[in-house]
Amino acid sequence: MTTYSRSFRSSPHRDARETWEAVVDLLTQGKSGAARTELLAVGGTAASVIADQAPKDAAIVVTCDGPRTRVYCLYDDNAIDGSDAKEDTLGYDPLKGDWSVSLPCQAEDLDWVNAALIKQSNRVTARDSKQAVGTEGGKSAVSAPLVINPKGFLGS
């Protein structure tokens, strides 16, 4: 599975709501439509997660029928400096086909965040920021070993 990463400047460069809107612009490629409407509908809850700095070390993870996208936020001096920011567009549609967004969240906020999200979207959920996407109980949900196809890799 291919994964791409982006890092957005948040507080104090932009507030949490503006940060979420910038992430939505990236994910929707600036296009209007149902996906954009759904992502903007959860903006208040997503902004709360961003304001709590959960996406600093744990990514907002977007899955779709294509590559996986990880979005991190930069805060404080890193947000002001901006040298670690990577907010450029993606070369693919990160919401292609059956997409979902997993927001990292502090464990003590997880219940209310998920309750708020479900009222607006069935594609956007929250997870404990200490738990990786695709894991349960700390074990990876992927059971198959990684197999490299040398012919495909070498272009033969």
C-alpha atoms as a PDB file:
ATOM      1  CA  MET A   1       0.000   0.000   0.000  1.00  0.00           C
ATOM      2  CA  THR A   2       1.331   3.394  -0.996  1.00  0.00           C
ATOM      3  CA  THR A   3       1.128   6.190   1.564  1.00  0.00           C
ATOM      4  CA  TYR A   4       1.638   9.915   1.079  1.00  0.00           C
ATOM      5  CA  SER A   5       2.121  12.437   3.853  1.00  0.00           C
ATOM      6  CA  ARG A   6       1.401  16.123   4.248  1.00  0.00           C
ATOM      7  CA  SER A   7       2.088  18.520   7.145  1.00  0.00           C
ATOM      8  CA  PHE A   8      -0.078  21.605   7.675  1.00  0.00           C
ATOM      9  CA  ARG A   9       0.851  24.705   9.633  1.00  0.00           C
ATOM     10  CA  SER A  10      -1.680  25.150  12.427  1.00  0.00           C
ATOM     11  CA  SER A  11      -1.666  27.307  15.558  1.00  0.00           C
ATOM     12  CA  PRO A  12      -0.527  30.084  15.702  1.00  0.00           C
ATOM     13  CA  HIS A  13      -0.083  30.366  11.899  1.00  0.00           C
ATOM     14  CA  ARG A  14      -3.778  29.589  11.375  1.00  0.00           C
ATOM     15  CA  ASP A  15      -6.499  28.613  13.815  1.00  0.00           C
ATOM     16  CA  ALA A  16      -7.808  25.053  14.083  1.00  0.00           C
ATOM     17  CA  ARG A  17     -10.876  25.676  11.897  1.00  0.00           C
ATOM     18  CA  GLU A  18      -8.741  27.244   9.160  1.00  0.00           C
ATOM     19  CA  THR A  19      -6.375  24.284   9.400  1.00  0.00           C
ATOM     20  CA  TRP A  20      -9.253  21.835   8.895  1.00  0.00           C
ATOM     21  CA  GLU A  21     -10.499  23.856   5.921  1.00  0.00           C
ATOM     22  CA  ALA A  22      -7.003  23.710   4.375  1.00  0.00           C
ATOM     23  CA  VAL A  23      -6.984  19.924   4.868  1.00  0.00           C
ATOM     24  CA  VAL A  24     -10.437  19.691   3.265  1.00  0.00           C
ATOM     25  CA  ASP A  25      -9.164  21.735   0.302  1.00  0.00           C
ATOM     26  CA  LEU A  26      -6.312  19.251  -0.105  1.00  0.00           C
ATOM     27  CA  LEU A  27      -8.570  16.203   0.137  1.00  0.00           C
ATOM     28  CA  THR A  28     -11.257  17.530  -2.202  1.00  0.00           C
ATOM     29  CA  GLN A  29      -8.734  19.086  -4.582  1.00  0.00           C
ATOM     30  CA  GLY A  30     -10.665  22.347  -4.168  1.00  0.00           C
ATOM     31  CA  LYS A  31     -13.777  20.878  -5.795  1.00  0.00           C
ATOM     32  CA  SER A  32     -17.281  21.247  -4.431  1.00  0.00           C
ATOM     33  CA  GLY A  33     -19.494  18.210  -4.003  1.00  0.00           C
ATOM     34  CA  ALA A  34     -20.814  15.702  -1.491  1.00  0.00           C
ATOM     35  CA  ALA A  35     -17.397  14.812  -0.041  1.00  0.00           C
ATOM     36  CA  ARG A  36     -16.520  18.465   0.593  1.00  0.00           C
ATOM     37  CA  THR A  37     -19.930  19.090   2.170  1.00  0.00           C
ATOM     38  CA  GLU A  38     -19.505  16.065   4.449  1.00  0.00           C
ATOM     39  CA  LEU A  39     -15.983  17.034   5.506  1.00  0.00           C
ATOM     40  CA  LEU A  40     -16.975  20.634   6.211  1.00  0.00           C
ATOM     41  CA  ALA A  41     -19.980  19.399   8.230  1.00  0.00           C
ATOM     42  CA  VAL A  42     -17.627  17.805  10.780  1.00  0.00           C
ATOM     43  CA  GLY A  43     -15.458  20.944  10.859  1.00  0.00           C
ATOM     44  CA  GLY A  44     -16.252  21.948  14.432  1.00  0.00           C
ATOM     45  CA  THR A  45     -15.386  18.526  15.818  1.00  0.00           C
ATOM     46  CA  ALA A  46     -12.311  18.166  13.617  1.00  0.00           C
ATOM     47  CA  ALA A  47     -11.171  21.631  14.716  1.00  0.00           C
ATOM     48  CA  SER A  48     -11.453  20.534  18.361  1.00  0.00           C
ATOM     49  CA  VAL A  49      -9.167  17.580  17.652  1.00  0.00           C
ATOM     50  CA  ILE A  50      -6.706  19.856  15.844  1.00  0.00           C
ATOM     51  CA  ALA A  51      -6.822  22.434  18.671  1.00  0.00           C
ATOM     52  CA  ASP A  52      -5.948  19.661  21.146  1.00  0.00           C
ATOM     53  CA  GLN A  53      -2.844  18.994  19.004  1.00  0.00           C
ATOM     54  CA  ALA A  54      -3.735  15.330  18.477  1.00  0.00           C
ATOM     55  CA  PRO A  55      -2.532  15.394  14.820  1.00  0.00           C
ATOM     56  CA  LYS A  56       0.932  16.541  15.902  1.00  0.00           C
ATOM     57  CA  ASP A  57       2.368  13.036  16.320  1.00  0.00           C
ATOM     58  CA  ALA A  58      -0.572  10.884  15.178  1.00  0.00           C
ATOM     59  CA  ALA A  59      -1.826  11.446  11.646  1.00  0.00           C
ATOM     60  CA  ILE A  60      -5.250  12.163  10.293  1.00  0.00           C
ATOM     61  CA  VAL A  61      -5.489   9.110   8.044  1.00  0.00           C
ATOM     62  CA  VAL A  62      -7.453   9.107   4.812  1.00  0.00           C
ATOM     63  CA  THR A  63      -8.103   5.806   3.057  1.00  0.00           C
ATOM     64  CA  CYS A  64      -9.694   5.327  -0.338  1.00  0.00           C
ATOM     65  CA  ASP A  65      -9.524   3.033  -3.366  1.00  0.00           C
ATOM     66  CA  GLY A  66      -6.082   4.502  -4.071  1.00  0.00           C
ATOM     67  CA  PRO A  67      -3.093   5.487  -1.931  1.00  0.00           C
ATOM     68  CA  ARG A  68      -3.439   6.245   1.769  1.00  0.00           C
ATOM     69  CA  THR A  69      -2.916   9.842   2.877  1.00  0.00           C
ATOM     70  CA  ARG A  70      -1.530  10.883   6.270  1.00  0.00           C
ATOM     71  CA  VAL A  71      -1.980  14.481   7.405  1.00  0.00           C
ATOM     72  CA  TYR A  72      -0.050  15.933  10.338  1.00  0.00           C
ATOM     73  CA  CYS A  73      -0.246  19.389  11.894  1.00  0.00           C
ATOM     74  CA  LEU A  74       2.581  21.655  12.958  1.00  0.00           C
ATOM     75  CA  TYR A  75       2.217  23.843  16.043  1.00  0.00           C
ATOM     76  CA  ASP A  76       3.973  26.634  17.890  1.00  0.00           C
ATOM     77  CA  ASP A  77       7.426  27.556  16.549  1.00  0.00           C
ATOM     78  CA  ASN A  78       7.211  24.877  13.837  1.00  0.00           C
ATOM     79  CA  ALA A  79       3.963  26.411  12.565  1.00  0.00           C
ATOM     80  CA  ILE A  80       5.469  29.899  12.554  1.00  0.00           C
ATOM     81  CA  ASP A  81       8.701  28.832  10.849  1.00  0.00           C
ATOM     82  CA  GLY A  82       6.919  26.592   8.345  1.00  0.00           C
ATOM     83  CA  SER A  83      10.068  24.943   7.036  1.00  0.00           C
ATOM     84  CA  ASP A  84       8.680  21.467   7.821  1.00  0.00           C
ATOM     85  CA  ALA A  85       5.303  22.199   6.211  1.00  0.00           C
ATOM     86  CA  LYS A  86       4.279  20.290   3.123  1.00  0.00           C
ATOM     87  CA  GLU A  87       0.884  21.516   1.979  1.00  0.00           C
ATOM     88  CA  ASP A  88       1.203  20.982  -1.765  1.00  0.00           C
ATOM     89  CA  THR A  89      -1.437  19.151  -3.776  1.00  0.00           C
ATOM     90  CA  LEU A  90      -1.520  15.412  -4.223  1.00  0.00           C
ATOM     91  CA  GLY A  91      -1.095  13.753  -7.613  1.00  0.00           C
ATOM     92  CA  TYR A  92      -4.139  11.548  -7.083  1.00  0.00           C
ATOM     93  CA  ASP A  93      -7.698  11.773  -5.763  1.00  0.00           C
ATOM     94  CA  PRO A  94      -7.447  11.015  -2.020  1.00  0.00           C
ATOM     95  CA  LEU A  95     -11.235  10.507  -1.839  1.00  0.00           C
ATOM     96  CA  LYS A  96     -11.529   8.111  -4.785  1.00  0.00           C
ATOM     97  CA  GLY A  97     -14.195   5.435  -4.400  1.00  0.00           C
ATOM     98  CA  ASP A  98     -14.972   4.205  -0.890  1.00  0.00           C
ATOM     99  CA  TRP A  99     -13.128   6.720   1.281  1.00  0.00           C
ATOM    100  CA  SER A 100     -12.896   7.303   5.020  1.00  0.00           C
ATOM    101  CA  VAL A 101     -11.107   9.660   7.398  1.00  0.00           C
ATOM    102  CA  SER A 102      -9.769   8.672  10.816  1.00  0.00           C
ATOM    103  CA  LEU A 103      -9.039  11.539  13.201  1.00  0.00           C
ATOM    104  CA  PRO A 104      -6.586  11.025  16.065  1.00  0.00           C
ATOM    105  CA  CYS A 105      -8.101  11.996  19.393  1.00  0.00           C
ATOM    106  CA  GLN A 106      -7.098  12.108  23.034  1.00  0.00           C
ATOM    107  CA  ALA A 107      -8.443   9.008  24.796  1.00  0.00           C
ATOM    108  CA  GLU A 108     -10.535  10.987  27.285  1.00  0.00           C
ATOM    109  CA  ASP A 109     -12.354  12.770  24.414  1.00  0.00           C
ATOM    110  CA  LEU A 110     -12.912   9.752  22.199  1.00  0.00           C
ATOM    111  CA  ASP A 111     -16.536   9.035  23.189  1.00  0.00           C
ATOM    112  CA  TRP A 112     -17.878  12.541  22.680  1.00  0.00           C
ATOM    113  CA  VAL A 113     -15.863  13.093  19.487  1.00  0.00           C
ATOM    114  CA  ASN A 114     -17.212   9.906  17.881  1.00  0.00           C
ATOM    115  CA  ALA A 115     -20.751  10.748  19.057  1.00  0.00           C
ATOM    116  CA  ALA A 116     -20.474  14.197  17.454  1.00  0.00           C
ATOM    117  CA  LEU A 117     -18.963  12.845  14.229  1.00  0.00           C
ATOM    118  CA  ILE A 118     -21.624  10.164  13.675  1.00  0.00           C
ATOM    119  CA  LYS A 119     -24.298  12.875  13.625  1.00  0.00           C
ATOM    120  CA  GLN A 120     -22.636  14.438  10.569  1.00  0.00           C
ATOM    121  CA  SER A 121     -20.831  11.620   8.771  1.00  0.00           C
ATOM    122  CA  ASN A 122     -20.485   7.869   8.562  1.00  0.00           C
ATOM    123  CA  ARG A 123     -17.114   8.208   6.811  1.00  0.00           C
ATOM    124  CA  VAL A 124     -15.285  10.331   9.396  1.00  0.00           C
ATOM    125  CA  THR A 125     -14.448   8.630  12.691  1.00  0.00           C
ATOM    126  CA  ALA A 126     -12.063   9.161  15.594  1.00  0.00           C
ATOM    127  CA  ARG A 127      -9.555   6.829  17.196  1.00  0.00           C
ATOM    128  CA  ASP A 128      -7.287   7.006  20.218  1.00  0.00           C
ATOM    129  CA  SER A 129      -4.230   8.943  19.052  1.00  0.00           C
ATOM    130  CA  LYS A 130      -2.022   6.271  20.596  1.00  0.00           C
ATOM    131  CA  GLN A 131      -3.592   3.565  18.413  1.00  0.00           C
ATOM    132  CA  ALA A 132      -2.509   3.199  14.797  1.00  0.00           C
ATOM    133  CA  VAL A 133      -5.106   2.851  12.073  1.00  0.00           C
ATOM    134  CA  GLY A 134      -5.797  -0.784  11.252  1.00  0.00           C
ATOM    135  CA  THR A 135      -4.827  -2.116  14.667  1.00  0.00           C
ATOM    136  CA  GLU A 136      -6.701  -3.657  17.515  1.00  0.00           C
ATOM    137  CA  GLY A 137      -5.117  -4.189  20.887  1.00  0.00           C
ATOM    138  CA  GLY A 138      -1.762  -3.031  19.580  1.00  0.00           C
ATOM    139  CA  LYS A 139      -1.528  -5.814  16.977  1.00  0.00           C
ATOM    140  CA  SER A 140      -1.514  -5.027  13.304  1.00  0.00           C
ATOM    141  CA  ALA A 141      -4.616  -6.019  11.374  1.00  0.00           C
ATOM    142  CA  VAL A 142      -2.389  -6.961   8.450  1.00  0.00           C
ATOM    143  CA  SER A 143      -1.594 -10.653   8.662  1.00  0.00           C
ATOM    144  CA  ALA A 144      -0.011 -11.275   5.267  1.00  0.00           C
ATOM    145  CA  PRO A 145       3.752 -10.824   4.976  1.00  0.00           C
ATOM    146  CA  LEU A 146       5.185  -8.218   2.631  1.00  0.00           C
ATOM    147  CA  VAL A 147       6.076  -9.768  -0.718  1.00  0.00           C
ATOM    148  CA  ILE A 148       8.166  -7.866  -3.240  1.00  0.00           C
ATOM    149  CA  ASN A 149       7.787  -8.650  -6.923  1.00  0.00           C
ATOM    150  CA  PRO A 150      11.326  -8.160  -8.284  1.00  0.00           C
ATOM    151  CA  LYS A 151      10.142  -8.090 -11.921  1.00  0.00           C
ATOM    152  CA  GLY A 152       7.650  -5.307 -11.178  1.00  0.00           C
ATOM    153  CA  PHE A 153      10.167  -3.493  -9.013  1.00  0.00           C
ATOM    154  CA  LEU A 154      12.915  -3.572 -11.609  1.00  0.00           C
ATOM    155  CA  GLY A 155      10.532  -2.783 -14.449  1.00  0.00           C
ATOM    156  CA  SER A 156      11.273  -6.050 -16.283  1.00  0.00           C
END
